[in-house]
């Protein structure tokens, strides 16, 4: 995979260098400045959970917001990503302390489409970035912290690329092309089973790629338009959001069949497009039509809404 010259070569070393420079320059005081907060979400989309239990949410209008489930507070970390469109967000990077990795693609993608990865601090400061010539149409991302791999979905080629987390500008460590898919979208990595799940939002299918296999196996169909995937490590469940059907699916990762089952069709759901499981076992759903986040219990019942 060819790439432009990266502006950051390694994630973790670059993070600590950035923090050290900040200290020496006397800019740490900026962190004590009043945070930018607001009372509403605007088309919330892909999301992820921090170790603290807080959520980071990408908005359709082009921003990154940190949400406190405890208080409902909405803090703006990044106002906008223009001329890029953010497509995915990852947390829990190896050795990092609350850093947030955002994947985005150029607007418009056209024939010149390329992707960019940006690493942010919990305060929204840019720590490092990498410009990539592939994937040309980024639609999803997931990470395997133990093996240090970042998975990216490229809808243009229907490929899944595995990039080294320590240097995403390097050539892909693996490249998997799924056959018979309409597109590739949301991704979720199951660390316990060492397998990657892939959503096909065009044909409504769900695939799994086992271990180091170069092939994907279809485990679900007729799932509407699966837009997002998330794994709850406590219950060993995979959740699937279907905005077209206004519903959520669930897969028991301890079963041999891995068959998706209907999980929730709560009337509050209008267009569920993002999922995240917090360390306390709560499943959070971002709804771009309702402009809200919903907390769902293990029976599929919505128990809370933010804002």
C-alpha atoms as a PDB file:
ATOM      1  CA  UNK A   1       0.000   0.000   0.000  1.00  0.00           C
ATOM      2  CA  UNK A   2       1.553   3.276  -1.045  1.00  0.00           C
ATOM      3  CA  UNK A   3       1.251   6.227   1.283  1.00  0.00           C
ATOM      4  CA  UNK A   4       2.137   9.857   1.577  1.00  0.00           C
ATOM      5  CA  UNK A   5       4.812  10.797   4.056  1.00  0.00           C
ATOM      6  CA  UNK A   6       3.292  10.341   7.499  1.00  0.00           C
ATOM      7  CA  UNK A   7       3.294  13.167  10.014  1.00  0.00           C
ATOM      8  CA  UNK A   8       3.673  10.653  12.839  1.00  0.00           C
ATOM      9  CA  UNK A   9       5.715   7.458  12.659  1.00  0.00           C
ATOM     10  CA  UNK A  10       4.748   5.618  15.818  1.00  0.00           C
ATOM     11  CA  UNK A  11       1.657   6.015  17.941  1.00  0.00           C
ATOM     12  CA  UNK A  12       2.933   5.631  21.484  1.00  0.00           C
ATOM     13  CA  UNK A  13       6.354   7.316  21.197  1.00  0.00           C
ATOM     14  CA  UNK A  14       4.727  10.224  19.367  1.00  0.00           C
ATOM     15  CA  UNK A  15       2.127  10.570  22.140  1.00  0.00           C
ATOM     16  CA  UNK A  16       4.726  10.914  24.862  1.00  0.00           C
ATOM     17  CA  UNK A  17       6.844  13.293  22.781  1.00  0.00           C
ATOM     18  CA  UNK A  18       3.795  15.485  22.225  1.00  0.00           C
ATOM     19  CA  UNK A  19       3.042  15.550  25.940  1.00  0.00           C
ATOM     20  CA  UNK A  20       6.661  16.365  26.808  1.00  0.00           C
ATOM     21  CA  UNK A  21       6.775  19.216  24.301  1.00  0.00           C
ATOM     22  CA  UNK A  22       3.537  20.520  25.768  1.00  0.00           C
ATOM     23  CA  UNK A  23       5.070  20.541  29.240  1.00  0.00           C
ATOM     24  CA  UNK A  24       8.263  22.273  28.133  1.00  0.00           C
ATOM     25  CA  UNK A  25       6.328  24.897  26.207  1.00  0.00           C
ATOM     26  CA  UNK A  26       4.178  25.679  29.211  1.00  0.00           C
ATOM     27  CA  UNK A  27       0.964  24.893  27.421  1.00  0.00           C
ATOM     28  CA  UNK A  28      -0.344  22.445  29.983  1.00  0.00           C
ATOM     29  CA  UNK A  29      -2.256  25.345  31.473  1.00  0.00           C
ATOM     30  CA  UNK A  30      -4.479  25.257  28.406  1.00  0.00           C
ATOM     31  CA  UNK A  31      -6.040  22.083  29.775  1.00  0.00           C
ATOM     32  CA  UNK A  32      -7.453  24.100  32.658  1.00  0.00           C
ATOM     33  CA  UNK A  33      -9.364  26.371  30.288  1.00  0.00           C
ATOM     34  CA  UNK A  34     -13.146  25.987  30.359  1.00  0.00           C
ATOM     35  CA  UNK A  35     -14.256  23.054  28.219  1.00  0.00           C
ATOM     36  CA  UNK A  36     -16.621  23.642  25.333  1.00  0.00           C
ATOM     37  CA  UNK A  37     -19.935  22.096  26.233  1.00  0.00           C
ATOM     38  CA  UNK A  38     -23.381  22.065  24.699  1.00  0.00           C
ATOM     39  CA  UNK A  39     -26.771  20.582  25.362  1.00  0.00           C
ATOM     40  CA  UNK A  40     -27.468  18.739  22.089  1.00  0.00           C
ATOM     41  CA  UNK A  41     -26.017  16.116  19.778  1.00  0.00           C
ATOM     42  CA  UNK A  42     -26.154  16.540  16.003  1.00  0.00           C
ATOM     43  CA  UNK A  43     -26.538  13.320  14.015  1.00  0.00           C
ATOM     44  CA  UNK A  44     -24.449  11.146  16.358  1.00  0.00           C
ATOM     45  CA  UNK A  45     -22.761   8.264  14.547  1.00  0.00           C
ATOM     46  CA  UNK A  46     -19.829   5.916  15.232  1.00  0.00           C
ATOM     47  CA  UNK A  47     -18.806   5.790  18.870  1.00  0.00           C
ATOM     48  CA  UNK A  48     -16.427   4.100  21.316  1.00  0.00           C
ATOM     49  CA  UNK A  49     -16.019   3.752  25.070  1.00  0.00           C
ATOM     50  CA  UNK A  50     -13.070   4.982  27.107  1.00  0.00           C
ATOM     51  CA  UNK A  51     -11.690   3.039  30.069  1.00  0.00           C
ATOM     52  CA  UNK A  52     -13.184   5.727  32.309  1.00  0.00           C
ATOM     53  CA  UNK A  53     -16.663   4.739  31.125  1.00  0.00           C
ATOM     54  CA  UNK A  54     -17.086   7.930  29.120  1.00  0.00           C
ATOM     55  CA  UNK A  55     -18.100   7.780  25.464  1.00  0.00           C
ATOM     56  CA  UNK A  56     -16.600   9.478  22.417  1.00  0.00           C
ATOM     57  CA  UNK A  57     -19.036  10.072  19.578  1.00  0.00           C
ATOM     58  CA  UNK A  58     -18.536  11.200  15.981  1.00  0.00           C
ATOM     59  CA  UNK A  59     -21.218  13.519  14.635  1.00  0.00           C
ATOM     60  CA  UNK A  60     -22.604  13.698  11.115  1.00  0.00           C
ATOM     61  CA  UNK A  61     -21.910  17.429  11.112  1.00  0.00           C
ATOM     62  CA  UNK A  62     -18.227  16.621  11.506  1.00  0.00           C
ATOM     63  CA  UNK A  63     -17.244  16.809  15.170  1.00  0.00           C
ATOM     64  CA  UNK A  64     -16.015  14.648  18.043  1.00  0.00           C
ATOM     65  CA  UNK A  65     -17.891  14.823  21.347  1.00  0.00           C
ATOM     66  CA  UNK A  66     -17.089  13.247  24.712  1.00  0.00           C
ATOM     67  CA  UNK A  67     -20.153  12.171  26.676  1.00  0.00           C
ATOM     68  CA  UNK A  68     -20.328  11.449  30.391  1.00  0.00           C
ATOM     69  CA  UNK A  69     -22.984   8.781  31.063  1.00  0.00           C
ATOM     70  CA  UNK A  70     -22.868   9.690  34.756  1.00  0.00           C
ATOM     71  CA  UNK A  71     -23.880  13.333  34.259  1.00  0.00           C
ATOM     72  CA  UNK A  72     -25.033  13.550  30.629  1.00  0.00           C
ATOM     73  CA  UNK A  73     -22.421  16.247  29.988  1.00  0.00           C
ATOM     74  CA  UNK A  74     -21.485  16.805  26.322  1.00  0.00           C
ATOM     75  CA  UNK A  75     -17.962  18.137  25.794  1.00  0.00           C
ATOM     76  CA  UNK A  76     -16.773  19.146  22.319  1.00  0.00           C
ATOM     77  CA  UNK A  77     -13.302  17.737  21.666  1.00  0.00           C
ATOM     78  CA  UNK A  78     -13.047  18.550  17.945  1.00  0.00           C
ATOM     79  CA  UNK A  79     -15.338  21.055  16.202  1.00  0.00           C
ATOM     80  CA  UNK A  80     -15.018  19.555  12.720  1.00  0.00           C
ATOM     81  CA  UNK A  81     -12.756  17.459  10.479  1.00  0.00           C
ATOM     82  CA  UNK A  82     -13.336  19.218   7.151  1.00  0.00           C
ATOM     83  CA  UNK A  83     -12.473  18.558   4.374  1.00  0.00           C
ATOM     84  CA  UNK A  84     -12.614  15.024   5.771  1.00  0.00           C
ATOM     85  CA  UNK A  85     -15.560  12.886   6.823  1.00  0.00           C
ATOM     86  CA  UNK A  86     -14.901  10.876   9.992  1.00  0.00           C
ATOM     87  CA  UNK A  87     -15.931   7.229   9.582  1.00  0.00           C
ATOM     88  CA  UNK A  88     -14.674   5.420  12.663  1.00  0.00           C
ATOM     89  CA  UNK A  89     -13.263   5.871  16.155  1.00  0.00           C
ATOM     90  CA  UNK A  90     -11.166   3.502  18.270  1.00  0.00           C
ATOM     91  CA  UNK A  91     -10.050   3.563  21.899  1.00  0.00           C
ATOM     92  CA  UNK A  92      -8.162   1.130  24.111  1.00  0.00           C
ATOM     93  CA  UNK A  93      -4.944   1.313  22.098  1.00  0.00           C
ATOM     94  CA  UNK A  94      -2.019  -0.698  23.509  1.00  0.00           C
ATOM     95  CA  UNK A  95      -0.143   1.240  26.194  1.00  0.00           C
ATOM     96  CA  UNK A  96      -2.111   4.422  25.555  1.00  0.00           C
ATOM     97  CA  UNK A  97      -3.903   6.329  28.292  1.00  0.00           C
ATOM     98  CA  UNK A  98      -7.222   7.464  26.958  1.00  0.00           C
ATOM     99  CA  UNK A  99      -6.034   8.307  23.454  1.00  0.00           C
ATOM    100  CA  UNK A 100      -8.636   8.365  20.687  1.00  0.00           C
ATOM    101  CA  UNK A 101      -7.911   7.251  17.116  1.00  0.00           C
ATOM    102  CA  UNK A 102     -10.215   8.641  14.414  1.00  0.00           C
ATOM    103  CA  UNK A 103     -10.338   7.325  10.842  1.00  0.00           C
ATOM    104  CA  UNK A 104     -11.601   9.632   8.120  1.00  0.00           C
ATOM    105  CA  UNK A 105     -11.801   9.930   4.347  1.00  0.00           C
ATOM    106  CA  UNK A 106     -11.558  12.906   2.029  1.00  0.00           C
ATOM    107  CA  UNK A 107     -14.727  14.718   0.920  1.00  0.00           C
ATOM    108  CA  UNK A 108     -15.570  14.112  -1.849  1.00  0.00           C
ATOM    109  CA  UNK A 109     -13.919  10.718  -2.224  1.00  0.00           C
ATOM    110  CA  UNK A 110     -14.260  10.552  -6.041  1.00  0.00           C
ATOM    111  CA  UNK A 111     -11.311   9.028  -7.822  1.00  0.00           C
ATOM    112  CA  UNK A 112      -8.807  10.707  -5.499  1.00  0.00           C
ATOM    113  CA  UNK A 113     -10.214   9.182  -2.336  1.00  0.00           C
ATOM    114  CA  UNK A 114      -7.706   8.577   0.407  1.00  0.00           C
ATOM    115  CA  UNK A 115      -7.871   8.154   4.131  1.00  0.00           C
ATOM    116  CA  UNK A 116      -6.360   9.820   7.155  1.00  0.00           C
ATOM    117  CA  UNK A 117      -5.846   8.608  10.710  1.00  0.00           C
ATOM    118  CA  UNK A 118      -5.558  11.092  13.559  1.00  0.00           C
ATOM    119  CA  UNK A 119      -4.663  10.365  17.179  1.00  0.00           C
ATOM    120  CA  UNK A 120      -6.229  12.695  19.755  1.00  0.00           C
ATOM    121  CA  UNK A 121      -5.823  13.097  23.489  1.00  0.00           C
ATOM    122  CA  UNK A 122      -8.818  12.904  25.814  1.00  0.00           C
ATOM    123  CA  UNK A 123      -8.850  16.706  25.685  1.00  0.00           C
ATOM    124  CA  UNK A 124      -9.073  16.807  21.889  1.00  0.00           C
ATOM    125  CA  UNK A 125      -5.453  17.774  21.168  1.00  0.00           C
ATOM    126  CA  UNK A 126      -3.999  16.262  17.990  1.00  0.00           C
ATOM    127  CA  UNK A 127      -1.040  14.065  18.880  1.00  0.00           C
ATOM    128  CA  UNK A 128      -0.183  12.401  15.567  1.00  0.00           C
ATOM    129  CA  UNK A 129      -1.592  11.830  12.094  1.00  0.00           C
ATOM    130  CA  UNK A 130      -1.023   9.553   9.110  1.00  0.00           C
ATOM    131  CA  UNK A 131      -2.110  10.139   5.521  1.00  0.00           C
ATOM    132  CA  UNK A 132      -2.870   6.955   3.584  1.00  0.00           C
ATOM    133  CA  UNK A 133      -3.518   6.381  -0.109  1.00  0.00           C
ATOM    134  CA  UNK A 134      -5.552   3.274   0.782  1.00  0.00           C
ATOM    135  CA  UNK A 135      -8.271   2.477   1.659  1.00  0.00           C
ATOM    136  CA  UNK A 136      -9.875   4.757  -0.892  1.00  0.00           C
ATOM    137  CA  UNK A 137     -13.328   4.622   0.695  1.00  0.00           C
ATOM    138  CA  UNK A 138     -12.969   3.979   4.416  1.00  0.00           C
ATOM    139  CA  UNK A 139     -16.207   2.714   5.974  1.00  0.00           C
ATOM    140  CA  UNK A 140     -15.163   1.009   9.209  1.00  0.00           C
ATOM    141  CA  UNK A 141     -12.320   0.288  11.609  1.00  0.00           C
ATOM    142  CA  UNK A 142     -11.443  -1.951  14.539  1.00  0.00           C
ATOM    143  CA  UNK A 143      -8.266  -2.790  16.424  1.00  0.00           C
ATOM    144  CA  UNK A 144      -6.521  -5.821  17.872  1.00  0.00           C
ATOM    145  CA  UNK A 145      -4.393  -4.257  20.641  1.00  0.00           C
ATOM    146  CA  UNK A 146      -2.711  -7.533  21.609  1.00  0.00           C
ATOM    147  CA  UNK A 147      -1.272  -8.130  18.135  1.00  0.00           C
ATOM    148  CA  UNK A 148      -0.991  -4.418  17.356  1.00  0.00           C
ATOM    149  CA  UNK A 149      -3.174  -4.488  14.246  1.00  0.00           C
ATOM    150  CA  UNK A 150      -5.613  -1.853  13.029  1.00  0.00           C
ATOM    151  CA  UNK A 151      -8.289  -3.193  10.678  1.00  0.00           C
ATOM    152  CA  UNK A 152      -9.796  -0.875   8.065  1.00  0.00           C
ATOM    153  CA  UNK A 153     -12.729  -1.609   5.750  1.00  0.00           C
ATOM    154  CA  UNK A 154     -12.499  -0.302   2.179  1.00  0.00           C
ATOM    155  CA  UNK A 155     -15.919  -0.259   0.515  1.00  0.00           C
ATOM    156  CA  UNK A 156     -14.389   0.565  -2.864  1.00  0.00           C
ATOM    157  CA  UNK A 157     -12.436  -2.702  -3.110  1.00  0.00           C
ATOM    158  CA  UNK A 158     -14.483  -4.762  -0.590  1.00  0.00           C
ATOM    159  CA  UNK A 159     -11.209  -5.441   1.217  1.00  0.00           C
ATOM    160  CA  UNK A 160     -10.216  -5.537   4.859  1.00  0.00           C
ATOM    161  CA  UNK A 161      -6.721  -4.158   5.444  1.00  0.00           C
ATOM    162  CA  UNK A 162      -4.639  -4.944   8.515  1.00  0.00           C
ATOM    163  CA  UNK A 163      -2.178  -2.162   9.344  1.00  0.00           C
ATOM    164  CA  UNK A 164       0.475  -2.161  12.086  1.00  0.00           C
ATOM    165  CA  UNK A 165      -0.784   0.057  14.922  1.00  0.00           C
ATOM    166  CA  UNK A 166       2.711   1.328  15.682  1.00  0.00           C
ATOM    167  CA  UNK A 167       3.013   2.743  12.152  1.00  0.00           C
ATOM    168  CA  UNK A 168      -0.245   2.856  10.130  1.00  0.00           C
ATOM    169  CA  UNK A 169       1.603   4.339   7.151  1.00  0.00           C
ATOM    170  CA  UNK A 170       3.457   1.041   6.647  1.00  0.00           C
ATOM    171  CA  UNK A 171       2.244  -1.532   4.092  1.00  0.00           C
ATOM    172  CA  UNK A 172      -0.674  -3.664   5.303  1.00  0.00           C
ATOM    173  CA  UNK A 173       0.244  -6.743   7.323  1.00  0.00           C
ATOM    174  CA  UNK A 174      -2.702  -8.534   5.733  1.00  0.00           C
ATOM    175  CA  UNK A 175      -5.306  -7.981   3.069  1.00  0.00           C
ATOM    176  CA  UNK A 176      -8.596  -9.913   2.943  1.00  0.00           C
ATOM    177  CA  UNK A 177     -11.088  -9.595   0.101  1.00  0.00           C
ATOM    178  CA  UNK A 178     -14.555 -10.897   0.897  1.00  0.00           C
ATOM    179  CA  UNK A 179     -16.407 -12.587  -1.948  1.00  0.00           C
ATOM    180  CA  UNK A 180     -20.089 -12.131  -2.614  1.00  0.00           C
ATOM    181  CA  UNK A 181     -20.443  -8.945  -0.587  1.00  0.00           C
ATOM    182  CA  UNK A 182     -22.304  -5.825  -1.617  1.00  0.00           C
ATOM    183  CA  UNK A 183     -19.981  -3.694   0.477  1.00  0.00           C
ATOM    184  CA  UNK A 184     -17.937  -3.788   3.679  1.00  0.00           C
ATOM    185  CA  UNK A 185     -18.806  -1.490   6.557  1.00  0.00           C
ATOM    186  CA  UNK A 186     -18.743  -1.788  10.334  1.00  0.00           C
ATOM    187  CA  UNK A 187     -16.052  -3.921  11.980  1.00  0.00           C
ATOM    188  CA  UNK A 188     -15.625  -5.440  15.438  1.00  0.00           C
ATOM    189  CA  UNK A 189     -12.723  -7.503  16.755  1.00  0.00           C
ATOM    190  CA  UNK A 190     -13.322 -10.292  19.268  1.00  0.00           C
ATOM    191  CA  UNK A 191     -10.115 -10.554  21.286  1.00  0.00           C
ATOM    192  CA  UNK A 192     -11.234 -13.679  23.158  1.00  0.00           C
ATOM    193  CA  UNK A 193     -11.886 -15.587  19.942  1.00  0.00           C
ATOM    194  CA  UNK A 194      -9.224 -13.846  17.839  1.00  0.00           C
ATOM    195  CA  UNK A 195     -11.708 -13.130  15.052  1.00  0.00           C
ATOM    196  CA  UNK A 196     -12.964 -10.156  13.115  1.00  0.00           C
ATOM    197  CA  UNK A 197     -16.627  -9.506  12.332  1.00  0.00           C
ATOM    198  CA  UNK A 198     -17.592  -7.578   9.197  1.00  0.00           C
ATOM    199  CA  UNK A 199     -20.954  -6.037   8.293  1.00  0.00           C
ATOM    200  CA  UNK A 200     -22.276  -5.841   4.727  1.00  0.00           C
ATOM    201  CA  UNK A 201     -24.775  -2.937   4.737  1.00  0.00           C
ATOM    202  CA  UNK A 202     -25.762  -3.418   1.091  1.00  0.00           C
ATOM    203  CA  UNK A 203     -26.798  -7.084   1.156  1.00  0.00           C
ATOM    204  CA  UNK A 204     -27.593  -7.239   4.862  1.00  0.00           C
ATOM    205  CA  UNK A 205     -25.024  -9.925   5.674  1.00  0.00           C
ATOM    206  CA  UNK A 206     -22.650 -10.510   8.568  1.00  0.00           C
ATOM    207  CA  UNK A 207     -19.254 -12.195   8.107  1.00  0.00           C
ATOM    208  CA  UNK A 208     -16.557 -13.518  10.402  1.00  0.00           C
ATOM    209  CA  UNK A 209     -12.846 -13.853   9.615  1.00  0.00           C
ATOM    210  CA  UNK A 210     -11.246 -16.415  11.916  1.00  0.00           C
ATOM    211  CA  UNK A 211      -7.683 -15.943  13.165  1.00  0.00           C
ATOM    212  CA  UNK A 212      -5.218 -15.469  10.322  1.00  0.00           C
ATOM    213  CA  UNK A 213      -7.620 -16.786   7.688  1.00  0.00           C
ATOM    214  CA  UNK A 214      -7.722 -14.935   4.390  1.00  0.00           C
ATOM    215  CA  UNK A 215     -11.382 -15.797   3.879  1.00  0.00           C
ATOM    216  CA  UNK A 216     -14.600 -14.665   5.456  1.00  0.00           C
ATOM    217  CA  UNK A 217     -17.530 -16.876   6.423  1.00  0.00           C
ATOM    218  CA  UNK A 218     -21.094 -15.594   6.280  1.00  0.00           C
ATOM    219  CA  UNK A 219     -22.895 -16.148   9.587  1.00  0.00           C
ATOM    220  CA  UNK A 220     -25.957 -13.952   9.119  1.00  0.00           C
ATOM    221  CA  UNK A 221     -28.218 -12.633   6.368  1.00  0.00           C
ATOM    222  CA  UNK A 222     -31.344 -10.500   6.005  1.00  0.00           C
ATOM    223  CA  UNK A 223     -30.156  -8.151   8.725  1.00  0.00           C
ATOM    224  CA  UNK A 224     -31.442  -5.049   6.945  1.00  0.00           C
ATOM    225  CA  UNK A 225     -28.614  -2.537   6.594  1.00  0.00           C
ATOM    226  CA  UNK A 226     -26.154  -3.386   9.387  1.00  0.00           C
ATOM    227  CA  UNK A 227     -24.297  -0.157  10.048  1.00  0.00           C
ATOM    228  CA  UNK A 228     -22.337  -0.752  13.244  1.00  0.00           C
ATOM    229  CA  UNK A 229     -20.941  -3.596  15.332  1.00  0.00           C
ATOM    230  CA  UNK A 230     -19.826  -3.718  18.960  1.00  0.00           C
ATOM    231  CA  UNK A 231     -18.685  -6.450  21.329  1.00  0.00           C
ATOM    232  CA  UNK A 232     -19.503  -6.603  25.034  1.00  0.00           C
ATOM    233  CA  UNK A 233     -16.520  -8.402  26.545  1.00  0.00           C
ATOM    234  CA  UNK A 234     -18.416  -9.108  29.783  1.00  0.00           C
ATOM    235  CA  UNK A 235     -21.365 -10.939  28.249  1.00  0.00           C
ATOM    236  CA  UNK A 236     -19.438 -12.180  25.181  1.00  0.00           C
ATOM    237  CA  UNK A 237     -22.072 -10.764  22.887  1.00  0.00           C
ATOM    238  CA  UNK A 238     -21.791  -9.104  19.494  1.00  0.00           C
ATOM    239  CA  UNK A 239     -24.343  -6.379  18.825  1.00  0.00           C
ATOM    240  CA  UNK A 240     -25.428  -5.205  15.373  1.00  0.00           C
ATOM    241  CA  UNK A 241     -27.246  -1.930  14.637  1.00  0.00           C
ATOM    242  CA  UNK A 242     -29.701  -1.847  11.719  1.00  0.00           C
ATOM    243  CA  UNK A 243     -30.952   1.696  11.009  1.00  0.00           C
ATOM    244  CA  UNK A 244     -33.161   0.582   8.111  1.00  0.00           C
ATOM    245  CA  UNK A 245     -35.113  -1.817  10.331  1.00  0.00           C
ATOM    246  CA  UNK A 246     -34.847   0.436  13.414  1.00  0.00           C
ATOM    247  CA  UNK A 247     -33.601  -2.533  15.413  1.00  0.00           C
ATOM    248  CA  UNK A 248     -30.657  -4.217  17.089  1.00  0.00           C
ATOM    249  CA  UNK A 249     -29.386  -7.770  16.613  1.00  0.00           C
ATOM    250  CA  UNK A 250     -27.281  -9.857  18.985  1.00  0.00           C
ATOM    251  CA  UNK A 251     -24.908 -12.804  18.497  1.00  0.00           C
ATOM    252  CA  UNK A 252     -23.875 -15.092  21.356  1.00  0.00           C
ATOM    253  CA  UNK A 253     -20.117 -15.414  20.850  1.00  0.00           C
ATOM    254  CA  UNK A 254     -19.971 -18.523  23.026  1.00  0.00           C
ATOM    255  CA  UNK A 255     -22.312 -20.466  20.746  1.00  0.00           C
ATOM    256  CA  UNK A 256     -21.011 -22.577  17.886  1.00  0.00           C
ATOM    257  CA  UNK A 257     -23.581 -21.352  15.371  1.00  0.00           C
ATOM    258  CA  UNK A 258     -22.960 -17.590  15.839  1.00  0.00           C
ATOM    259  CA  UNK A 259     -26.502 -16.947  14.620  1.00  0.00           C
ATOM    260  CA  UNK A 260     -27.829 -13.358  14.880  1.00  0.00           C
ATOM    261  CA  UNK A 261     -31.007 -13.021  16.933  1.00  0.00           C
ATOM    262  CA  UNK A 262     -33.353 -10.054  17.202  1.00  0.00           C
ATOM    263  CA  UNK A 263     -32.384  -8.107  20.325  1.00  0.00           C
ATOM    264  CA  UNK A 264     -34.429  -4.910  20.385  1.00  0.00           C
ATOM    265  CA  UNK A 265     -37.044  -3.045  18.382  1.00  0.00           C
ATOM    266  CA  UNK A 266     -37.678  -0.404  21.019  1.00  0.00           C
ATOM    267  CA  UNK A 267     -39.994   2.310  19.759  1.00  0.00           C
ATOM    268  CA  UNK A 268     -37.435   4.977  20.668  1.00  0.00           C
ATOM    269  CA  UNK A 269     -35.057   3.686  17.995  1.00  0.00           C
ATOM    270  CA  UNK A 270     -35.320   5.686  14.771  1.00  0.00           C
ATOM    271  CA  UNK A 271     -31.948   5.238  13.071  1.00  0.00           C
ATOM    272  CA  UNK A 272     -29.394   3.378  15.235  1.00  0.00           C
ATOM    273  CA  UNK A 273     -25.998   3.850  13.591  1.00  0.00           C
ATOM    274  CA  UNK A 274     -23.423   3.531  16.378  1.00  0.00           C
ATOM    275  CA  UNK A 275     -22.736   1.115  19.245  1.00  0.00           C
ATOM    276  CA  UNK A 276     -20.410   0.959  22.238  1.00  0.00           C
ATOM    277  CA  UNK A 277     -20.252  -1.214  25.354  1.00  0.00           C
ATOM    278  CA  UNK A 278     -18.883   0.530  28.447  1.00  0.00           C
ATOM    279  CA  UNK A 279     -16.791  -1.265  31.112  1.00  0.00           C
ATOM    280  CA  UNK A 280     -19.821  -1.495  33.425  1.00  0.00           C
ATOM    281  CA  UNK A 281     -21.605  -3.665  30.843  1.00  0.00           C
ATOM    282  CA  UNK A 282     -23.990  -1.034  29.481  1.00  0.00           C
ATOM    283  CA  UNK A 283     -24.723  -1.038  25.750  1.00  0.00           C
ATOM    284  CA  UNK A 284     -25.007   2.468  24.298  1.00  0.00           C
ATOM    285  CA  UNK A 285     -26.635   3.195  20.950  1.00  0.00           C
ATOM    286  CA  UNK A 286     -26.232   6.398  18.946  1.00  0.00           C
ATOM    287  CA  UNK A 287     -29.287   7.361  16.895  1.00  0.00           C
ATOM    288  CA  UNK A 288     -28.702   9.859  14.086  1.00  0.00           C
ATOM    289  CA  UNK A 289     -32.407  10.594  13.595  1.00  0.00           C
ATOM    290  CA  UNK A 290     -33.286  10.977  17.270  1.00  0.00           C
ATOM    291  CA  UNK A 291     -30.077  13.002  17.893  1.00  0.00           C
ATOM    292  CA  UNK A 292     -29.610  11.010  21.074  1.00  0.00           C
ATOM    293  CA  UNK A 293     -27.761   8.195  22.799  1.00  0.00           C
ATOM    294  CA  UNK A 294     -29.740   5.346  24.339  1.00  0.00           C
ATOM    295  CA  UNK A 295     -28.651   2.978  27.104  1.00  0.00           C
ATOM    296  CA  UNK A 296     -29.998  -0.537  26.544  1.00  0.00           C
ATOM    297  CA  UNK A 297     -30.137  -3.225  29.222  1.00  0.00           C
ATOM    298  CA  UNK A 298     -29.334  -6.890  28.591  1.00  0.00           C
ATOM    299  CA  UNK A 299     -32.964  -7.617  27.761  1.00  0.00           C
ATOM    300  CA  UNK A 300     -33.047  -5.048  24.946  1.00  0.00           C
ATOM    301  CA  UNK A 301     -35.010  -2.441  26.916  1.00  0.00           C
ATOM    302  CA  UNK A 302     -33.998   1.222  26.703  1.00  0.00           C
ATOM    303  CA  UNK A 303     -33.377   2.474  30.227  1.00  0.00           C
ATOM    304  CA  UNK A 304     -31.879   5.912  29.601  1.00  0.00           C
ATOM    305  CA  UNK A 305     -31.494   8.648  27.002  1.00  0.00           C
ATOM    306  CA  UNK A 306     -28.847  11.383  26.542  1.00  0.00           C
ATOM    307  CA  UNK A 307     -29.622  14.217  26.163  1.00  0.00           C
END
